Amino acid sequence: MKMYYCEDDLIVEYALKTDPPDAEFWSTYKLKKSDIKIVTKMNRSAAAEMRTKILTDIFSIEPNIRTTKAST
């Protein structure tokens, strides 16, 4: 599945590579920064920064076990 993250003039294509692969659909899976793979060509430090931004954006929209347990 192609996924895109847009920021200002930059559009970044990325994919989620979880272990097991079906875990990206589980509500109980703890998504990690290492599960995000940047498809768009960029240098290593820019890709690391982009993974952090994408993960933060996902957590702001989707509930996650790490953030929902801490708030209860």
PDB file of N, CA and C in Angstrom:
ATOM      1  N   MET A   1       0.841  -1.172   0.000  1.00  0.00           N
ATOM      2  CA  MET A   1       0.000   0.000   0.000  1.00  0.00           C
ATOM      3  C   MET A   1       0.895   1.247   0.000  1.00  0.00           C
ATOM      4  N   LYS A   2       0.624   2.160  -0.895  1.00  0.00           N
ATOM      5  CA  LYS A   2       1.379   3.404  -0.958  1.00  0.00           C
ATOM      6  C   LYS A   2       0.789   4.398   0.038  1.00  0.00           C
ATOM      7  N   MET A   3       1.669   4.991   0.822  1.00  0.00           N
ATOM      8  CA  MET A   3       1.252   6.012   1.777  1.00  0.00           C
ATOM      9  C   MET A   3       2.134   7.238   1.567  1.00  0.00           C
ATOM     10  N   TYR A   4       1.549   8.391   1.801  1.00  0.00           N
ATOM     11  CA  TYR A   4       2.272   9.640   1.569  1.00  0.00           C
ATOM     12  C   TYR A   4       2.140  10.546   2.780  1.00  0.00           C
ATOM     13  N   TYR A   5       3.219  11.282   3.035  1.00  0.00           N
ATOM     14  CA  TYR A   5       3.228  12.302   4.075  1.00  0.00           C
ATOM     15  C   TYR A   5       3.587  13.614   3.388  1.00  0.00           C
ATOM     16  N   CYS A   6       2.759  14.629   3.561  1.00  0.00           N
ATOM     17  CA  CYS A   6       2.980  15.922   2.918  1.00  0.00           C
ATOM     18  C   CYS A   6       3.375  16.951   3.973  1.00  0.00           C
ATOM     19  N   GLU A   7       4.421  17.703   3.653  1.00  0.00           N
ATOM     20  CA  GLU A   7       4.886  18.766   4.536  1.00  0.00           C
ATOM     21  C   GLU A   7       5.390  19.907   3.654  1.00  0.00           C
ATOM     22  N   ASP A   8       4.733  21.036   3.733  1.00  0.00           N
ATOM     23  CA  ASP A   8       5.056  22.194   2.909  1.00  0.00           C
ATOM     24  C   ASP A   8       5.090  21.778   1.426  1.00  0.00           C
ATOM     25  N   ASP A   9       6.252  21.879   0.778  1.00  0.00           N
ATOM     26  CA  ASP A   9       6.375  21.532  -0.644  1.00  0.00           C
ATOM     27  C   ASP A   9       6.856  20.095  -0.855  1.00  0.00           C
ATOM     28  N   LEU A  10       7.083  19.370   0.223  1.00  0.00           N
ATOM     29  CA  LEU A  10       7.674  18.037   0.152  1.00  0.00           C
ATOM     30  C   LEU A  10       6.600  16.952   0.305  1.00  0.00           C
ATOM     31  N   ILE A  11       6.612  15.983  -0.594  1.00  0.00           N
ATOM     32  CA  ILE A  11       5.726  14.820  -0.508  1.00  0.00           C
ATOM     33  C   ILE A  11       6.621  13.595  -0.389  1.00  0.00           C
ATOM     34  N   VAL A  12       6.455  12.846   0.714  1.00  0.00           N
ATOM     35  CA  VAL A  12       7.302  11.697   0.996  1.00  0.00           C
ATOM     36  C   VAL A  12       6.457  10.422   0.933  1.00  0.00           C
ATOM     37  N   GLU A  13       6.915   9.461   0.150  1.00  0.00           N
ATOM     38  CA  GLU A  13       6.246   8.157   0.103  1.00  0.00           C
ATOM     39  C   GLU A  13       6.887   7.253   1.148  1.00  0.00           C
ATOM     40  N   TYR A  14       6.046   6.523   1.891  1.00  0.00           N
ATOM     41  CA  TYR A  14       6.565   5.608   2.899  1.00  0.00           C
ATOM     42  C   TYR A  14       5.696   4.361   2.964  1.00  0.00           C
ATOM     43  N   ALA A  15       6.192   3.345   3.660  1.00  0.00           N
ATOM     44  CA  ALA A  15       5.462   2.097   3.844  1.00  0.00           C
ATOM     45  C   ALA A  15       5.646   1.642   5.280  1.00  0.00           C
ATOM     46  N   LEU A  16       4.683   0.888   5.775  1.00  0.00           N
ATOM     47  CA  LEU A  16       4.798   0.279   7.094  1.00  0.00           C
ATOM     48  C   LEU A  16       5.230  -1.173   6.903  1.00  0.00           C
ATOM     49  N   LYS A  17       6.322  -1.547   7.520  1.00  0.00           N
ATOM     50  CA  LYS A  17       6.843  -2.917   7.447  1.00  0.00           C
ATOM     51  C   LYS A  17       6.880  -3.467   8.865  1.00  0.00           C
ATOM     52  N   THR A  18       5.810  -4.115   9.259  1.00  0.00           N
ATOM     53  CA  THR A  18       5.708  -4.661  10.613  1.00  0.00           C
ATOM     54  C   THR A  18       6.023  -6.150  10.594  1.00  0.00           C
ATOM     55  N   ASP A  19       6.339  -6.680  11.770  1.00  0.00           N
ATOM     56  CA  ASP A  19       6.600  -8.103  11.918  1.00  0.00           C
ATOM     57  C   ASP A  19       5.668  -8.645  12.989  1.00  0.00           C
ATOM     58  N   PRO A  20       4.684  -9.413  12.656  1.00  0.00           N
ATOM     59  CA  PRO A  20       4.286  -9.949  11.364  1.00  0.00           C
ATOM     60  C   PRO A  20       3.625  -8.888  10.491  1.00  0.00           C
ATOM     61  N   PRO A  21       3.550  -9.112   9.185  1.00  0.00           N
ATOM     62  CA  PRO A  21       3.001  -8.104   8.271  1.00  0.00           C
ATOM     63  C   PRO A  21       1.570  -7.667   8.590  1.00  0.00           C
ATOM     64  N   ASP A  22       0.746  -8.571   9.092  1.00  0.00           N
ATOM     65  CA  ASP A  22      -0.647  -8.218   9.417  1.00  0.00           C
ATOM     66  C   ASP A  22      -0.762  -7.296  10.627  1.00  0.00           C
ATOM     67  N   ALA A  23       0.300  -7.128  11.370  1.00  0.00           N
ATOM     68  CA  ALA A  23       0.254  -6.332  12.597  1.00  0.00           C
ATOM     69  C   ALA A  23      -0.110  -4.873  12.352  1.00  0.00           C
ATOM     70  N   GLU A  24       0.123  -4.362  11.159  1.00  0.00           N
ATOM     71  CA  GLU A  24      -0.224  -2.963  10.894  1.00  0.00           C
ATOM     72  C   GLU A  24      -1.728  -2.720  10.980  1.00  0.00           C
ATOM     73  N   PHE A  25      -2.521  -3.775  10.943  1.00  0.00           N
ATOM     74  CA  PHE A  25      -3.972  -3.657  11.032  1.00  0.00           C
ATOM     75  C   PHE A  25      -4.502  -3.937  12.440  1.00  0.00           C
ATOM     76  N   TRP A  26      -3.644  -4.346  13.352  1.00  0.00           N
ATOM     77  CA  TRP A  26      -4.065  -4.683  14.710  1.00  0.00           C
ATOM     78  C   TRP A  26      -4.151  -3.418  15.559  1.00  0.00           C
ATOM     79  N   SER A  27      -5.188  -3.308  16.344  1.00  0.00           N
ATOM     80  CA  SER A  27      -5.318  -2.136  17.215  1.00  0.00           C
ATOM     81  C   SER A  27      -4.395  -2.235  18.429  1.00  0.00           C
ATOM     82  N   THR A  28      -3.912  -3.435  18.756  1.00  0.00           N
ATOM     83  CA  THR A  28      -3.060  -3.616  19.927  1.00  0.00           C
ATOM     84  C   THR A  28      -1.568  -3.574  19.609  1.00  0.00           C
ATOM     85  N   TYR A  29      -1.201  -3.475  18.330  1.00  0.00           N
ATOM     86  CA  TYR A  29       0.217  -3.462  17.951  1.00  0.00           C
ATOM     87  C   TYR A  29       0.853  -2.125  18.329  1.00  0.00           C
ATOM     88  N   LYS A  30       2.030  -2.194  18.923  1.00  0.00           N
ATOM     89  CA  LYS A  30       2.767  -0.984  19.308  1.00  0.00           C
ATOM     90  C   LYS A  30       3.659  -0.567  18.141  1.00  0.00           C
ATOM     91  N   LEU A  31       3.189   0.379  17.353  1.00  0.00           N
ATOM     92  CA  LEU A  31       3.930   0.856  16.194  1.00  0.00           C
ATOM     93  C   LEU A  31       5.207   1.557  16.641  1.00  0.00           C
ATOM     94  N   LYS A  32       6.316   1.224  15.975  1.00  0.00           N
ATOM     95  CA  LYS A  32       7.616   1.803  16.306  1.00  0.00           C
ATOM     96  C   LYS A  32       8.148   2.589  15.115  1.00  0.00           C
ATOM     97  N   LYS A  33       9.072   3.470  15.402  1.00  0.00           N
ATOM     98  CA  LYS A  33       9.686   4.263  14.341  1.00  0.00           C
ATOM     99  C   LYS A  33      10.393   3.369  13.326  1.00  0.00           C
ATOM    100  N   SER A  34      10.940   2.258  13.777  1.00  0.00           N
ATOM    101  CA  SER A  34      11.649   1.346  12.870  1.00  0.00           C
ATOM    102  C   SER A  34      10.699   0.604  11.928  1.00  0.00           C
ATOM    103  N   ASP A  35       9.390   0.635  12.184  1.00  0.00           N
ATOM    104  CA  ASP A  35       8.407   0.017  11.294  1.00  0.00           C
ATOM    105  C   ASP A  35       8.120   0.874  10.067  1.00  0.00           C
ATOM    106  N   ILE A  36       8.535   2.122  10.090  1.00  0.00           N
ATOM    107  CA  ILE A  36       8.282   3.050   8.986  1.00  0.00           C
ATOM    108  C   ILE A  36       9.485   3.034   8.040  1.00  0.00           C
ATOM    109  N   LYS A  37       9.238   2.699   6.791  1.00  0.00           N
ATOM    110  CA  LYS A  37      10.298   2.661   5.767  1.00  0.00           C
ATOM    111  C   LYS A  37      10.031   3.755   4.750  1.00  0.00           C
ATOM    112  N   ILE A  38      10.990   4.653   4.580  1.00  0.00           N
ATOM    113  CA  ILE A  38      10.875   5.759   3.636  1.00  0.00           C
ATOM    114  C   ILE A  38      11.217   5.250   2.237  1.00  0.00           C
ATOM    115  N   VAL A  39      10.294   5.409   1.294  1.00  0.00           N
ATOM    116  CA  VAL A  39      10.501   4.968  -0.089  1.00  0.00           C
ATOM    117  C   VAL A  39      11.180   6.072  -0.897  1.00  0.00           C
ATOM    118  N   THR A  40      10.811   7.320  -0.649  1.00  0.00           N
ATOM    119  CA  THR A  40      11.392   8.462  -1.350  1.00  0.00           C
ATOM    120  C   THR A  40      12.884   8.554  -1.028  1.00  0.00           C
ATOM    121  N   LYS A  41      13.691   8.772  -2.044  1.00  0.00           N
ATOM    122  CA  LYS A  41      15.138   8.869  -1.854  1.00  0.00           C
ATOM    123  C   LYS A  41      15.487  10.145  -1.092  1.00  0.00           C
ATOM    124  N   MET A  42      16.227   9.980   0.016  1.00  0.00           N
ATOM    125  CA  MET A  42      16.749  11.111   0.793  1.00  0.00           C
ATOM    126  C   MET A  42      17.895  10.597   1.648  1.00  0.00           C
ATOM    127  N   ASN A  43      18.691  11.522   2.177  1.00  0.00           N
ATOM    128  CA  ASN A  43      19.832  11.077   2.971  1.00  0.00           C
ATOM    129  C   ASN A  43      19.358  10.499   4.305  1.00  0.00           C
ATOM    130  N   ARG A  44      20.263   9.827   4.985  1.00  0.00           N
ATOM    131  CA  ARG A  44      19.922   9.061   6.186  1.00  0.00           C
ATOM    132  C   ARG A  44      19.360   9.934   7.303  1.00  0.00           C
ATOM    133  N   SER A  45      19.955  11.077   7.554  1.00  0.00           N
ATOM    134  CA  SER A  45      19.488  11.937   8.647  1.00  0.00           C
ATOM    135  C   SER A  45      18.121  12.541   8.334  1.00  0.00           C
ATOM    136  N   ALA A  46      17.897  12.896   7.081  1.00  0.00           N
ATOM    137  CA  ALA A  46      16.587  13.428   6.691  1.00  0.00           C
ATOM    138  C   ALA A  46      15.513  12.348   6.798  1.00  0.00           C
ATOM    139  N   ALA A  47      15.860  11.117   6.445  1.00  0.00           N
ATOM    140  CA  ALA A  47      14.907  10.006   6.552  1.00  0.00           C
ATOM    141  C   ALA A  47      14.567   9.723   8.009  1.00  0.00           C
ATOM    142  N   ALA A  48      15.548   9.790   8.895  1.00  0.00           N
ATOM    143  CA  ALA A  48      15.300   9.566  10.324  1.00  0.00           C
ATOM    144  C   ALA A  48      14.369  10.641  10.884  1.00  0.00           C
ATOM    145  N   GLU A  49      14.597  11.881  10.502  1.00  0.00           N
ATOM    146  CA  GLU A  49      13.738  12.978  10.943  1.00  0.00           C
ATOM    147  C   GLU A  49      12.318  12.813  10.393  1.00  0.00           C
ATOM    148  N   MET A  50      12.217  12.364   9.152  1.00  0.00           N
ATOM    149  CA  MET A  50      10.910  12.177   8.528  1.00  0.00           C
ATOM    150  C   MET A  50      10.147  11.038   9.196  1.00  0.00           C
ATOM    151  N   ARG A  51      10.840   9.946   9.571  1.00  0.00           N
ATOM    152  CA  ARG A  51      10.183   8.847  10.287  1.00  0.00           C
ATOM    153  C   ARG A  51       9.600   9.328  11.610  1.00  0.00           C
ATOM    154  N   THR A  52      10.326  10.184  12.305  1.00  0.00           N
ATOM    155  CA  THR A  52       9.827  10.736  13.564  1.00  0.00           C
ATOM    156  C   THR A  52       8.582  11.581  13.333  1.00  0.00           C
ATOM    157  N   LYS A  53       8.589  12.407  12.303  1.00  0.00           N
ATOM    158  CA  LYS A  53       7.424  13.246  11.990  1.00  0.00           C
ATOM    159  C   LYS A  53       6.214  12.403  11.605  1.00  0.00           C
ATOM    160  N   ILE A  54       6.441  11.362  10.820  1.00  0.00           N
ATOM    161  CA  ILE A  54       5.345  10.496  10.391  1.00  0.00           C
ATOM    162  C   ILE A  54       4.753   9.762  11.590  1.00  0.00           C
ATOM    163  N   LEU A  55       5.607   9.229  12.465  1.00  0.00           N
ATOM    164  CA  LEU A  55       5.127   8.516  13.650  1.00  0.00           C
ATOM    165  C   LEU A  55       4.324   9.448  14.554  1.00  0.00           C
ATOM    166  N   THR A  56       4.798  10.663  14.742  1.00  0.00           N
ATOM    167  CA  THR A  56       4.080  11.644  15.547  1.00  0.00           C
ATOM    168  C   THR A  56       2.719  11.970  14.934  1.00  0.00           C
ATOM    169  N   ASP A  57       2.688  12.091  13.629  1.00  0.00           N
ATOM    170  CA  ASP A  57       1.432  12.367  12.934  1.00  0.00           C
ATOM    171  C   ASP A  57       0.453  11.198  13.072  1.00  0.00           C
ATOM    172  N   ILE A  58       0.951   9.982  12.940  1.00  0.00           N
ATOM    173  CA  ILE A  58       0.092   8.803  13.096  1.00  0.00           C
ATOM    174  C   ILE A  58      -0.474   8.748  14.510  1.00  0.00           C
ATOM    175  N   PHE A  59       0.363   8.992  15.509  1.00  0.00           N
ATOM    176  CA  PHE A  59      -0.102   8.958  16.898  1.00  0.00           C
ATOM    177  C   PHE A  59      -1.108  10.064  17.191  1.00  0.00           C
ATOM    178  N   SER A  60      -1.023  11.182  16.503  1.00  0.00           N
ATOM    179  CA  SER A  60      -1.972  12.267  16.751  1.00  0.00           C
ATOM    180  C   SER A  60      -3.365  11.941  16.204  1.00  0.00           C
ATOM    181  N   ILE A  61      -3.439  11.019  15.241  1.00  0.00           N
ATOM    182  CA  ILE A  61      -4.711  10.664  14.621  1.00  0.00           C
ATOM    183  C   ILE A  61      -5.253   9.331  15.143  1.00  0.00           C
ATOM    184  N   GLU A  62      -4.389   8.334  15.206  1.00  0.00           N
ATOM    185  CA  GLU A  62      -4.800   6.989  15.601  1.00  0.00           C
ATOM    186  C   GLU A  62      -4.471   6.735  17.067  1.00  0.00           C
ATOM    187  N   PRO A  63      -5.379   6.112  17.793  1.00  0.00           N
ATOM    188  CA  PRO A  63      -5.042   5.733  19.171  1.00  0.00           C
ATOM    189  C   PRO A  63      -3.967   4.652  19.161  1.00  0.00           C
ATOM    190  N   ASN A  64      -3.099   4.686  20.134  1.00  0.00           N
ATOM    191  CA  ASN A  64      -2.006   3.719  20.243  1.00  0.00           C
ATOM    192  C   ASN A  64      -1.942   3.231  21.678  1.00  0.00           C
ATOM    193  N   ILE A  65      -1.600   1.992  21.859  1.00  0.00           N
ATOM    194  CA  ILE A  65      -1.582   1.400  23.199  1.00  0.00           C
ATOM    195  C   ILE A  65      -0.630   2.156  24.128  1.00  0.00           C
ATOM    196  N   ARG A  66       0.481   2.671  23.588  1.00  0.00           N
ATOM    197  CA  ARG A  66       1.447   3.392  24.441  1.00  0.00           C
ATOM    198  C   ARG A  66       0.871   4.705  24.925  1.00  0.00           C
ATOM    199  N   THR A  67       0.115   5.394  24.091  1.00  0.00           N
ATOM    200  CA  THR A  67      -0.405   6.689  24.509  1.00  0.00           C
ATOM    201  C   THR A  67      -1.721   6.563  25.261  1.00  0.00           C
ATOM    202  N   THR A  68      -2.563   5.568  24.930  1.00  0.00           N
ATOM    203  CA  THR A  68      -3.857   5.471  25.600  1.00  0.00           C
ATOM    204  C   THR A  68      -3.727   4.909  26.998  1.00  0.00           C
ATOM    205  N   LYS A  69      -2.809   4.003  27.253  1.00  0.00           N
ATOM    206  CA  LYS A  69      -2.624   3.458  28.597  1.00  0.00           C
ATOM    207  C   LYS A  69      -2.061   4.518  29.541  1.00  0.00           C
ATOM    208  N   ALA A  70      -1.192   5.372  29.059  1.00  0.00           N
ATOM    209  CA  ALA A  70      -0.572   6.384  29.905  1.00  0.00           C
ATOM    210  C   ALA A  70      -1.588   7.435  30.332  1.00  0.00           C
ATOM    211  N   SER A  71      -2.598   7.679  29.513  1.00  0.00           N
ATOM    212  CA  SER A  71      -3.544   8.747  29.824  1.00  0.00           C
ATOM    213  C   SER A  71      -4.694   8.297  30.726  1.00  0.00           C
ATOM    214  N   THR A  72      -4.827   6.982  30.975  1.00  0.00           N
ATOM    215  CA  THR A  72      -5.915   6.516  31.832  1.00  0.00           C
ATOM    216  C   THR A  72      -5.495   6.339  33.255  1.00  0.00           C
TER     217      THR A  72
END
